[in-house]
Amino acid sequence: MTLSERTVGVLIDRAAEWGHGELTTLLMRSSVSKADPGHASGLSRSKRAGAALSGALEDGNEQGLLEVARNLLNSFRPADPAEPWVQDLVASLRSDGYLAHRHVTPGDTATWPPRPETYRWTVEPLGGDEIPLPPQAGSVQRELASRGLGVAESHFSQAFRAFTVRDLEASNAQLRPAFESVVVTIAEGCTQWRGTSGGQAIEAINKAGLFEKGEHDYVMGLWRMSHKNGSHPGLSNDDEALFRFNAVTSLLLFLVQRFL
């Protein structure tokens, strides 16, 4: 997984609020000080943070950037989940495939001295419970990109990101054009048909005798299902969205590897 520029931007904005001395410590503790110009450079805290964290992003120092996120969330006092910058960071990390979670340790007033409630943030890769998506998702993105299907890959990537932040309607809306782009490409490459309609492309593939028994009905059924419920607010639920993503992901991988 790779952190997005958006996530790094949130980190830069927050880190820039620290004093120069604290910023130096933060960057060193997080192992991202390589590109830091330093306080002696005369640059502002914002420019120092930007140079250091952008440099870490360019160097592929993802672990260091994740450590910056952990240190920012746990600095001085653990960050309040209601703070806007925390909400922005948590949502952006989730889009990148990471879960920022605040763990609460209950206090104990029966002891002396009383033990207060404590908090600790962790940032870890999302697991199966957080993103119950098929392992083929990454394979589909790579297969589409390697075959030059940029439009389909872009829509599929957006569908994945939307699902990870539970924007289910947006996920459904992006799956349809990814699906359509793939079947249109197959039909134009394997038959004499030319057009832009996904349904017509599927029929053209079938008329050319390229589908095995039962395959046409499955592909067309899934295509129709993608239009029946569509991207209408309030109609998608977790189970429906998960089924749709699983089904389309598996089918796209099958179609691309078989026909392209």
C-alpha atoms as a PDB file:
ATOM      1  CA  MET A   1       0.000   0.000   0.000  1.00  0.00           C
ATOM      2  CA  THR A   2       1.115   3.548  -0.720  1.00  0.00           C
ATOM      3  CA  LEU A   3       0.095   6.620   1.213  1.00  0.00           C
ATOM      4  CA  SER A   4      -1.650   9.265  -0.863  1.00  0.00           C
ATOM      5  CA  GLU A   5      -0.562  12.860  -1.270  1.00  0.00           C
ATOM      6  CA  ARG A   6      -3.763  13.837   0.532  1.00  0.00           C
ATOM      7  CA  THR A   7      -2.754  11.918   3.651  1.00  0.00           C
ATOM      8  CA  VAL A   8       0.741  13.414   3.585  1.00  0.00           C
ATOM      9  CA  GLY A   9      -0.839  16.855   3.169  1.00  0.00           C
ATOM     10  CA  VAL A  10      -2.900  16.363   6.331  1.00  0.00           C
ATOM     11  CA  LEU A  11       0.250  15.294   8.188  1.00  0.00           C
ATOM     12  CA  ILE A  12       2.148  18.347   6.946  1.00  0.00           C
ATOM     13  CA  ASP A  13      -0.612  20.736   8.011  1.00  0.00           C
ATOM     14  CA  ARG A  14      -0.721  19.268  11.517  1.00  0.00           C
ATOM     15  CA  ALA A  15       3.048  18.959  11.965  1.00  0.00           C
ATOM     16  CA  ALA A  16       3.457  22.619  10.916  1.00  0.00           C
ATOM     17  CA  GLU A  17       1.538  23.642  14.040  1.00  0.00           C
ATOM     18  CA  TRP A  18       4.377  22.402  16.241  1.00  0.00           C
ATOM     19  CA  GLY A  19       7.209  24.668  17.352  1.00  0.00           C
ATOM     20  CA  HIS A  20      10.549  24.370  15.552  1.00  0.00           C
ATOM     21  CA  GLY A  21      12.132  22.362  18.368  1.00  0.00           C
ATOM     22  CA  GLU A  22       9.151  20.037  18.679  1.00  0.00           C
ATOM     23  CA  LEU A  23       9.036  19.630  14.902  1.00  0.00           C
ATOM     24  CA  THR A  24      12.691  18.609  14.840  1.00  0.00           C
ATOM     25  CA  THR A  25      12.020  15.989  17.513  1.00  0.00           C
ATOM     26  CA  LEU A  26       8.905  14.710  15.697  1.00  0.00           C
ATOM     27  CA  LEU A  27      10.777  14.260  12.420  1.00  0.00           C
ATOM     28  CA  MET A  28      13.731  12.530  14.070  1.00  0.00           C
ATOM     29  CA  ARG A  29      11.577  10.223  16.197  1.00  0.00           C
ATOM     30  CA  SER A  30       9.617   9.240  13.090  1.00  0.00           C
ATOM     31  CA  SER A  31      12.751   8.684  10.967  1.00  0.00           C
ATOM     32  CA  VAL A  32      11.715  11.223   8.329  1.00  0.00           C
ATOM     33  CA  SER A  33      14.275  13.985   9.005  1.00  0.00           C
ATOM     34  CA  LYS A  34      16.448  13.232   5.963  1.00  0.00           C
ATOM     35  CA  ALA A  35      15.002  16.065   3.836  1.00  0.00           C
ATOM     36  CA  ASP A  36      14.393  18.488   6.711  1.00  0.00           C
ATOM     37  CA  PRO A  37      16.205  21.786   5.980  1.00  0.00           C
ATOM     38  CA  GLY A  38      16.405  22.415   9.729  1.00  0.00           C
ATOM     39  CA  HIS A  39      15.541  25.419  11.876  1.00  0.00           C
ATOM     40  CA  ALA A  40      18.806  27.137  10.896  1.00  0.00           C
ATOM     41  CA  SER A  41      17.579  27.343   7.304  1.00  0.00           C
ATOM     42  CA  GLY A  42      15.237  30.124   8.297  1.00  0.00           C
ATOM     43  CA  LEU A  43      12.296  28.388   6.626  1.00  0.00           C
ATOM     44  CA  SER A  44       8.872  28.391   8.222  1.00  0.00           C
ATOM     45  CA  ARG A  45       7.614  25.351  10.090  1.00  0.00           C
ATOM     46  CA  SER A  46       5.178  24.669   7.244  1.00  0.00           C
ATOM     47  CA  LYS A  47       7.949  24.607   4.653  1.00  0.00           C
ATOM     48  CA  ARG A  48      10.176  22.482   6.870  1.00  0.00           C
ATOM     49  CA  ALA A  49       7.401  19.954   7.459  1.00  0.00           C
ATOM     50  CA  GLY A  50       6.518  19.984   3.774  1.00  0.00           C
ATOM     51  CA  ALA A  51      10.102  19.385   2.670  1.00  0.00           C
ATOM     52  CA  ALA A  52      10.658  16.554   5.164  1.00  0.00           C
ATOM     53  CA  LEU A  53       7.411  14.671   4.610  1.00  0.00           C
ATOM     54  CA  SER A  54       7.330  15.192   0.836  1.00  0.00           C
ATOM     55  CA  GLY A  55      10.885  13.875   0.739  1.00  0.00           C
ATOM     56  CA  ALA A  56       9.837  10.823   2.734  1.00  0.00           C
ATOM     57  CA  LEU A  57       6.975  10.229   0.294  1.00  0.00           C
ATOM     58  CA  GLU A  58       9.316  10.471  -2.699  1.00  0.00           C
ATOM     59  CA  ASP A  59      11.770   8.087  -1.012  1.00  0.00           C
ATOM     60  CA  GLY A  60       9.012   5.558  -0.360  1.00  0.00           C
ATOM     61  CA  ASN A  61       9.491   5.873   3.397  1.00  0.00           C
ATOM     62  CA  GLU A  62       5.949   4.822   4.181  1.00  0.00           C
ATOM     63  CA  GLN A  63       6.775   3.410   7.609  1.00  0.00           C
ATOM     64  CA  GLY A  64       8.265   6.721   8.633  1.00  0.00           C
ATOM     65  CA  LEU A  65       5.167   8.606   7.480  1.00  0.00           C
ATOM     66  CA  LEU A  66       2.932   6.179   9.374  1.00  0.00           C
ATOM     67  CA  GLU A  67       5.060   6.815  12.452  1.00  0.00           C
ATOM     68  CA  VAL A  68       4.492  10.545  11.972  1.00  0.00           C
ATOM     69  CA  ALA A  69       0.742   9.852  12.009  1.00  0.00           C
ATOM     70  CA  ARG A  70       1.051   7.800  15.209  1.00  0.00           C
ATOM     71  CA  ASN A  71       3.183  10.423  16.919  1.00  0.00           C
ATOM     72  CA  LEU A  72       0.849  13.260  15.938  1.00  0.00           C
ATOM     73  CA  LEU A  73      -2.179  11.354  17.205  1.00  0.00           C
ATOM     74  CA  ASN A  74      -0.484  10.479  20.501  1.00  0.00           C
ATOM     75  CA  SER A  75       1.426  13.704  21.161  1.00  0.00           C
ATOM     76  CA  PHE A  76       1.073  15.507  24.505  1.00  0.00           C
ATOM     77  CA  ARG A  77      -2.498  14.313  24.894  1.00  0.00           C
ATOM     78  CA  PRO A  78      -4.113  11.684  22.670  1.00  0.00           C
ATOM     79  CA  ALA A  79      -6.041  13.349  19.865  1.00  0.00           C
ATOM     80  CA  ASP A  80      -9.797  13.734  20.192  1.00  0.00           C
ATOM     81  CA  PRO A  81     -11.644  11.805  17.432  1.00  0.00           C
ATOM     82  CA  ALA A  82     -14.031  14.756  17.109  1.00  0.00           C
ATOM     83  CA  GLU A  83     -11.289  17.168  16.038  1.00  0.00           C
ATOM     84  CA  PRO A  84     -11.581  18.019  12.304  1.00  0.00           C
ATOM     85  CA  TRP A  85      -7.928  17.280  11.538  1.00  0.00           C
ATOM     86  CA  VAL A  86      -8.251  13.876  13.207  1.00  0.00           C
ATOM     87  CA  GLN A  87     -11.355  13.059  11.188  1.00  0.00           C
ATOM     88  CA  ASP A  88      -9.580  14.119   7.987  1.00  0.00           C
ATOM     89  CA  LEU A  89      -6.527  12.000   8.815  1.00  0.00           C
ATOM     90  CA  VAL A  90      -8.545   8.926   9.826  1.00  0.00           C
ATOM     91  CA  ALA A  91     -10.644   9.091   6.629  1.00  0.00           C
ATOM     92  CA  SER A  92      -7.611   9.644   4.391  1.00  0.00           C
ATOM     93  CA  LEU A  93      -5.661   6.804   6.000  1.00  0.00           C
ATOM     94  CA  ARG A  94      -8.649   4.511   5.556  1.00  0.00           C
ATOM     95  CA  SER A  95      -8.767   5.371   1.846  1.00  0.00           C
ATOM     96  CA  ASP A  96      -5.094   4.371   1.711  1.00  0.00           C
ATOM     97  CA  GLY A  97      -5.811   1.035   3.390  1.00  0.00           C
ATOM     98  CA  TYR A  98      -4.931   1.856   7.018  1.00  0.00           C
ATOM     99  CA  LEU A  99      -7.022   1.934  10.168  1.00  0.00           C
ATOM    100  CA  ALA A 100      -6.334   4.657  12.736  1.00  0.00           C
ATOM    101  CA  HIS A 101      -8.006   3.519  15.949  1.00  0.00           C
ATOM    102  CA  ARG A 102      -8.152   4.997  19.439  1.00  0.00           C
ATOM    103  CA  HIS A 103      -7.856   2.342  22.141  1.00  0.00           C
ATOM    104  CA  VAL A 104      -9.336   3.130  25.549  1.00  0.00           C
ATOM    105  CA  THR A 105      -8.027   1.638  28.787  1.00  0.00           C
ATOM    106  CA  PRO A 106     -10.644   2.067  31.536  1.00  0.00           C
ATOM    107  CA  GLY A 107      -9.619   3.778  34.722  1.00  0.00           C
ATOM    108  CA  ASP A 108      -9.950   2.291  38.193  1.00  0.00           C
ATOM    109  CA  THR A 109     -11.166   4.464  41.057  1.00  0.00           C
ATOM    110  CA  ALA A 110     -10.962   1.554  43.503  1.00  0.00           C
ATOM    111  CA  THR A 111      -7.168   1.756  43.622  1.00  0.00           C
ATOM    112  CA  TRP A 112      -5.023   4.311  45.370  1.00  0.00           C
ATOM    113  CA  PRO A 113      -4.073   6.509  43.844  1.00  0.00           C
ATOM    114  CA  PRO A 114      -6.989   6.211  41.393  1.00  0.00           C
ATOM    115  CA  ARG A 115      -5.918   5.144  37.917  1.00  0.00           C
ATOM    116  CA  PRO A 116      -7.301   7.478  35.223  1.00  0.00           C
ATOM    117  CA  GLU A 117      -8.723   6.388  31.912  1.00  0.00           C
ATOM    118  CA  THR A 118      -6.045   6.394  29.217  1.00  0.00           C
ATOM    119  CA  TYR A 119      -6.053   6.487  25.427  1.00  0.00           C
ATOM    120  CA  ARG A 120      -3.659   5.277  22.776  1.00  0.00           C
ATOM    121  CA  TRP A 121      -3.892   5.572  18.981  1.00  0.00           C
ATOM    122  CA  THR A 122      -2.634   2.870  16.633  1.00  0.00           C
ATOM    123  CA  VAL A 123      -2.305   2.960  12.845  1.00  0.00           C
ATOM    124  CA  GLU A 124      -2.257  -0.449  11.189  1.00  0.00           C
ATOM    125  CA  PRO A 125      -3.195  -1.976   7.808  1.00  0.00           C
ATOM    126  CA  LEU A 126      -6.895  -2.608   7.450  1.00  0.00           C
ATOM    127  CA  GLY A 127      -7.809  -6.235   8.063  1.00  0.00           C
ATOM    128  CA  GLY A 128     -10.526  -8.460   6.706  1.00  0.00           C
ATOM    129  CA  ASP A 129     -13.149  -7.147   9.131  1.00  0.00           C
ATOM    130  CA  GLU A 130     -12.520  -3.560   8.089  1.00  0.00           C
ATOM    131  CA  ILE A 131     -12.278  -4.163   4.323  1.00  0.00           C
ATOM    132  CA  PRO A 132     -13.801  -7.568   3.576  1.00  0.00           C
ATOM    133  CA  LEU A 133     -12.718  -7.383  -0.050  1.00  0.00           C
ATOM    134  CA  PRO A 134     -11.380 -10.217  -2.182  1.00  0.00           C
ATOM    135  CA  PRO A 135      -7.616 -10.580  -2.576  1.00  0.00           C
ATOM    136  CA  GLN A 136      -8.178 -10.331  -6.350  1.00  0.00           C
ATOM    137  CA  ALA A 137      -8.825  -6.579  -6.031  1.00  0.00           C
ATOM    138  CA  GLY A 138      -5.141  -5.734  -6.306  1.00  0.00           C
ATOM    139  CA  SER A 139      -4.711  -8.265  -9.098  1.00  0.00           C
ATOM    140  CA  VAL A 140      -7.517  -6.678 -11.120  1.00  0.00           C
ATOM    141  CA  GLN A 141      -5.926  -3.240 -10.859  1.00  0.00           C
ATOM    142  CA  ARG A 142      -2.560  -4.604 -12.004  1.00  0.00           C
ATOM    143  CA  GLU A 143      -4.083  -6.636 -14.846  1.00  0.00           C
ATOM    144  CA  LEU A 144      -6.097  -3.691 -16.145  1.00  0.00           C
ATOM    145  CA  ALA A 145      -3.128  -1.337 -15.978  1.00  0.00           C
ATOM    146  CA  SER A 146      -0.735  -3.805 -17.634  1.00  0.00           C
ATOM    147  CA  ARG A 147      -3.129  -4.261 -20.569  1.00  0.00           C
ATOM    148  CA  GLY A 148      -3.542  -0.553 -21.140  1.00  0.00           C
ATOM    149  CA  LEU A 149      -7.137  -0.430 -19.865  1.00  0.00           C
ATOM    150  CA  GLY A 150      -6.614   2.902 -18.129  1.00  0.00           C
ATOM    151  CA  VAL A 151     -10.276   3.918 -18.051  1.00  0.00           C
ATOM    152  CA  ALA A 152     -11.393   0.652 -16.480  1.00  0.00           C
ATOM    153  CA  GLU A 153      -8.483   0.710 -14.016  1.00  0.00           C
ATOM    154  CA  SER A 154      -9.304   4.268 -12.966  1.00  0.00           C
ATOM    155  CA  HIS A 155     -12.980   3.483 -12.335  1.00  0.00           C
ATOM    156  CA  PHE A 156     -12.137   0.271 -10.483  1.00  0.00           C
ATOM    157  CA  SER A 157      -9.606   2.073  -8.261  1.00  0.00           C
ATOM    158  CA  GLN A 158     -12.188   4.722  -7.433  1.00  0.00           C
ATOM    159  CA  ALA A 159     -14.725   2.014  -6.617  1.00  0.00           C
ATOM    160  CA  PHE A 160     -12.220   0.400  -4.254  1.00  0.00           C
ATOM    161  CA  ARG A 161     -11.439   3.667  -2.494  1.00  0.00           C
ATOM    162  CA  ALA A 162     -15.124   4.541  -2.178  1.00  0.00           C
ATOM    163  CA  PHE A 163     -15.887   1.154  -0.639  1.00  0.00           C
ATOM    164  CA  THR A 164     -13.096   1.460   1.933  1.00  0.00           C
ATOM    165  CA  VAL A 165     -14.623   4.681   3.281  1.00  0.00           C
ATOM    166  CA  ARG A 166     -18.126   3.165   3.144  1.00  0.00           C
ATOM    167  CA  ASP A 167     -19.359   5.429   0.346  1.00  0.00           C
ATOM    168  CA  LEU A 168     -21.313   2.508  -1.036  1.00  0.00           C
ATOM    169  CA  GLU A 169     -23.346   4.365  -3.654  1.00  0.00           C
ATOM    170  CA  ALA A 170     -20.172   5.875  -5.112  1.00  0.00           C
ATOM    171  CA  SER A 171     -18.529   2.442  -5.156  1.00  0.00           C
ATOM    172  CA  ASN A 172     -21.432   0.978  -7.110  1.00  0.00           C
ATOM    173  CA  ALA A 173     -21.395   3.899  -9.514  1.00  0.00           C
ATOM    174  CA  GLN A 174     -17.708   3.354 -10.346  1.00  0.00           C
ATOM    175  CA  LEU A 175     -17.994  -0.419 -10.772  1.00  0.00           C
ATOM    176  CA  ARG A 176     -20.437  -0.103 -13.683  1.00  0.00           C
ATOM    177  CA  PRO A 177     -18.172   1.892 -16.036  1.00  0.00           C
ATOM    178  CA  ALA A 178     -15.223  -0.360 -15.121  1.00  0.00           C
ATOM    179  CA  PHE A 179     -17.327  -3.395 -16.046  1.00  0.00           C
ATOM    180  CA  GLU A 180     -18.569  -1.721 -19.238  1.00  0.00           C
ATOM    181  CA  SER A 181     -15.114  -0.636 -20.361  1.00  0.00           C
ATOM    182  CA  VAL A 182     -13.796  -4.198 -20.080  1.00  0.00           C
ATOM    183  CA  VAL A 183     -16.614  -5.919 -22.003  1.00  0.00           C
ATOM    184  CA  VAL A 184     -16.573  -3.222 -24.714  1.00  0.00           C
ATOM    185  CA  THR A 185     -12.809  -3.704 -25.127  1.00  0.00           C
ATOM    186  CA  ILE A 186     -13.235  -7.475 -25.389  1.00  0.00           C
ATOM    187  CA  ALA A 187     -16.067  -7.199 -27.921  1.00  0.00           C
ATOM    188  CA  GLU A 188     -14.151  -4.766 -30.124  1.00  0.00           C
ATOM    189  CA  GLY A 189     -10.985  -6.828 -29.931  1.00  0.00           C
ATOM    190  CA  CYS A 190     -12.504 -10.257 -30.442  1.00  0.00           C
ATOM    191  CA  THR A 191     -15.479  -9.581 -32.731  1.00  0.00           C
ATOM    192  CA  GLN A 192     -16.517  -7.239 -35.547  1.00  0.00           C
ATOM    193  CA  TRP A 193     -18.823  -5.315 -33.214  1.00  0.00           C
ATOM    194  CA  ARG A 194     -18.213  -1.624 -32.555  1.00  0.00           C
ATOM    195  CA  GLY A 195     -20.058   0.482 -30.021  1.00  0.00           C
ATOM    196  CA  THR A 196     -20.142   1.796 -26.455  1.00  0.00           C
ATOM    197  CA  SER A 197     -22.956  -0.154 -24.757  1.00  0.00           C
ATOM    198  CA  GLY A 198     -21.930  -2.759 -22.218  1.00  0.00           C
ATOM    199  CA  GLY A 199     -25.064  -4.825 -22.745  1.00  0.00           C
ATOM    200  CA  GLN A 200     -24.622  -4.869 -26.514  1.00  0.00           C
ATOM    201  CA  ALA A 201     -20.949  -5.748 -26.097  1.00  0.00           C
ATOM    202  CA  ILE A 202     -21.863  -8.764 -23.957  1.00  0.00           C
ATOM    203  CA  GLU A 203     -24.358  -9.910 -26.596  1.00  0.00           C
ATOM    204  CA  ALA A 204     -21.725  -9.499 -29.321  1.00  0.00           C
ATOM    205  CA  ILE A 205     -19.289 -11.669 -27.374  1.00  0.00           C
ATOM    206  CA  ASN A 206     -22.006 -14.279 -26.964  1.00  0.00           C
ATOM    207  CA  LYS A 207     -23.013 -14.244 -30.655  1.00  0.00           C
ATOM    208  CA  ALA A 208     -19.379 -14.799 -31.574  1.00  0.00           C
ATOM    209  CA  GLY A 209     -19.499 -18.044 -29.574  1.00  0.00           C
ATOM    210  CA  LEU A 210     -16.815 -16.918 -27.127  1.00  0.00           C
ATOM    211  CA  PHE A 211     -18.738 -17.717 -23.962  1.00  0.00           C
ATOM    212  CA  GLU A 212     -18.932 -21.243 -22.593  1.00  0.00           C
ATOM    213  CA  LYS A 213     -22.294 -22.680 -21.530  1.00  0.00           C
ATOM    214  CA  GLY A 214     -23.816 -20.628 -18.721  1.00  0.00           C
ATOM    215  CA  GLU A 215     -21.231 -17.858 -18.853  1.00  0.00           C
ATOM    216  CA  HIS A 216     -23.355 -15.470 -20.903  1.00  0.00           C
ATOM    217  CA  ASP A 217     -26.254 -15.689 -18.476  1.00  0.00           C
ATOM    218  CA  TYR A 218     -23.988 -14.977 -15.524  1.00  0.00           C
ATOM    219  CA  VAL A 219     -22.237 -12.017 -17.157  1.00  0.00           C
ATOM    220  CA  MET A 220     -25.481 -10.506 -18.441  1.00  0.00           C
ATOM    221  CA  GLY A 221     -27.224 -11.112 -15.122  1.00  0.00           C
ATOM    222  CA  LEU A 222     -24.515  -9.273 -13.233  1.00  0.00           C
ATOM    223  CA  TRP A 223     -24.594  -6.470 -15.815  1.00  0.00           C
ATOM    224  CA  ARG A 224     -28.344  -6.056 -15.357  1.00  0.00           C
ATOM    225  CA  MET A 225     -27.991  -6.191 -11.593  1.00  0.00           C
ATOM    226  CA  SER A 226     -25.482  -3.370 -11.713  1.00  0.00           C
ATOM    227  CA  HIS A 227     -28.200  -1.202 -13.293  1.00  0.00           C
ATOM    228  CA  LYS A 228     -31.201  -2.418 -11.294  1.00  0.00           C
ATOM    229  CA  ASN A 229     -30.023  -1.063  -7.931  1.00  0.00           C
ATOM    230  CA  GLY A 230     -27.436   1.329  -9.258  1.00  0.00           C
ATOM    231  CA  SER A 231     -26.025   4.261  -7.364  1.00  0.00           C
ATOM    232  CA  HIS A 232     -29.245   5.379  -5.730  1.00  0.00           C
ATOM    233  CA  PRO A 233     -28.876   6.814  -2.191  1.00  0.00           C
ATOM    234  CA  GLY A 234     -30.391   4.620   0.468  1.00  0.00           C
ATOM    235  CA  LEU A 235     -30.604   1.466  -1.636  1.00  0.00           C
ATOM    236  CA  SER A 236     -27.149   0.050  -0.921  1.00  0.00           C
ATOM    237  CA  ASN A 237     -26.290  -1.785   2.258  1.00  0.00           C
ATOM    238  CA  ASP A 238     -23.047  -3.381   3.390  1.00  0.00           C
ATOM    239  CA  ASP A 239     -23.936  -6.906   2.275  1.00  0.00           C
ATOM    240  CA  GLU A 240     -25.216  -5.814  -1.139  1.00  0.00           C
ATOM    241  CA  ALA A 241     -22.176  -3.627  -1.756  1.00  0.00           C
ATOM    242  CA  LEU A 242     -19.804  -6.393  -0.662  1.00  0.00           C
ATOM    243  CA  PHE A 243     -21.502  -8.923  -2.941  1.00  0.00           C
ATOM    244  CA  ARG A 244     -21.418  -6.506  -5.859  1.00  0.00           C
ATOM    245  CA  PHE A 245     -17.732  -5.721  -5.360  1.00  0.00           C
ATOM    246  CA  ASN A 246     -16.779  -9.374  -4.915  1.00  0.00           C
ATOM    247  CA  ALA A 247     -18.762 -10.482  -7.959  1.00  0.00           C
ATOM    248  CA  VAL A 248     -17.542  -7.759 -10.314  1.00  0.00           C
ATOM    249  CA  THR A 249     -13.941  -8.076  -9.113  1.00  0.00           C
ATOM    250  CA  SER A 250     -13.852 -11.830  -9.710  1.00  0.00           C
ATOM    251  CA  LEU A 251     -15.590 -11.495 -13.077  1.00  0.00           C
ATOM    252  CA  LEU A 252     -13.271  -8.745 -14.343  1.00  0.00           C
ATOM    253  CA  LEU A 253     -10.220 -10.807 -13.456  1.00  0.00           C
ATOM    254  CA  PHE A 254     -11.707 -13.825 -15.268  1.00  0.00           C
ATOM    255  CA  LEU A 255     -12.628 -11.812 -18.378  1.00  0.00           C
ATOM    256  CA  VAL A 256      -9.313  -9.978 -18.646  1.00  0.00           C
ATOM    257  CA  GLN A 257      -7.176 -13.082 -18.188  1.00  0.00           C
ATOM    258  CA  ARG A 258      -9.267 -15.127 -20.604  1.00  0.00           C
ATOM    259  CA  PHE A 259      -9.892 -12.691 -23.449  1.00  0.00           C
ATOM    260  CA  LEU A 260      -7.182 -10.035 -23.214  1.00  0.00           C
END
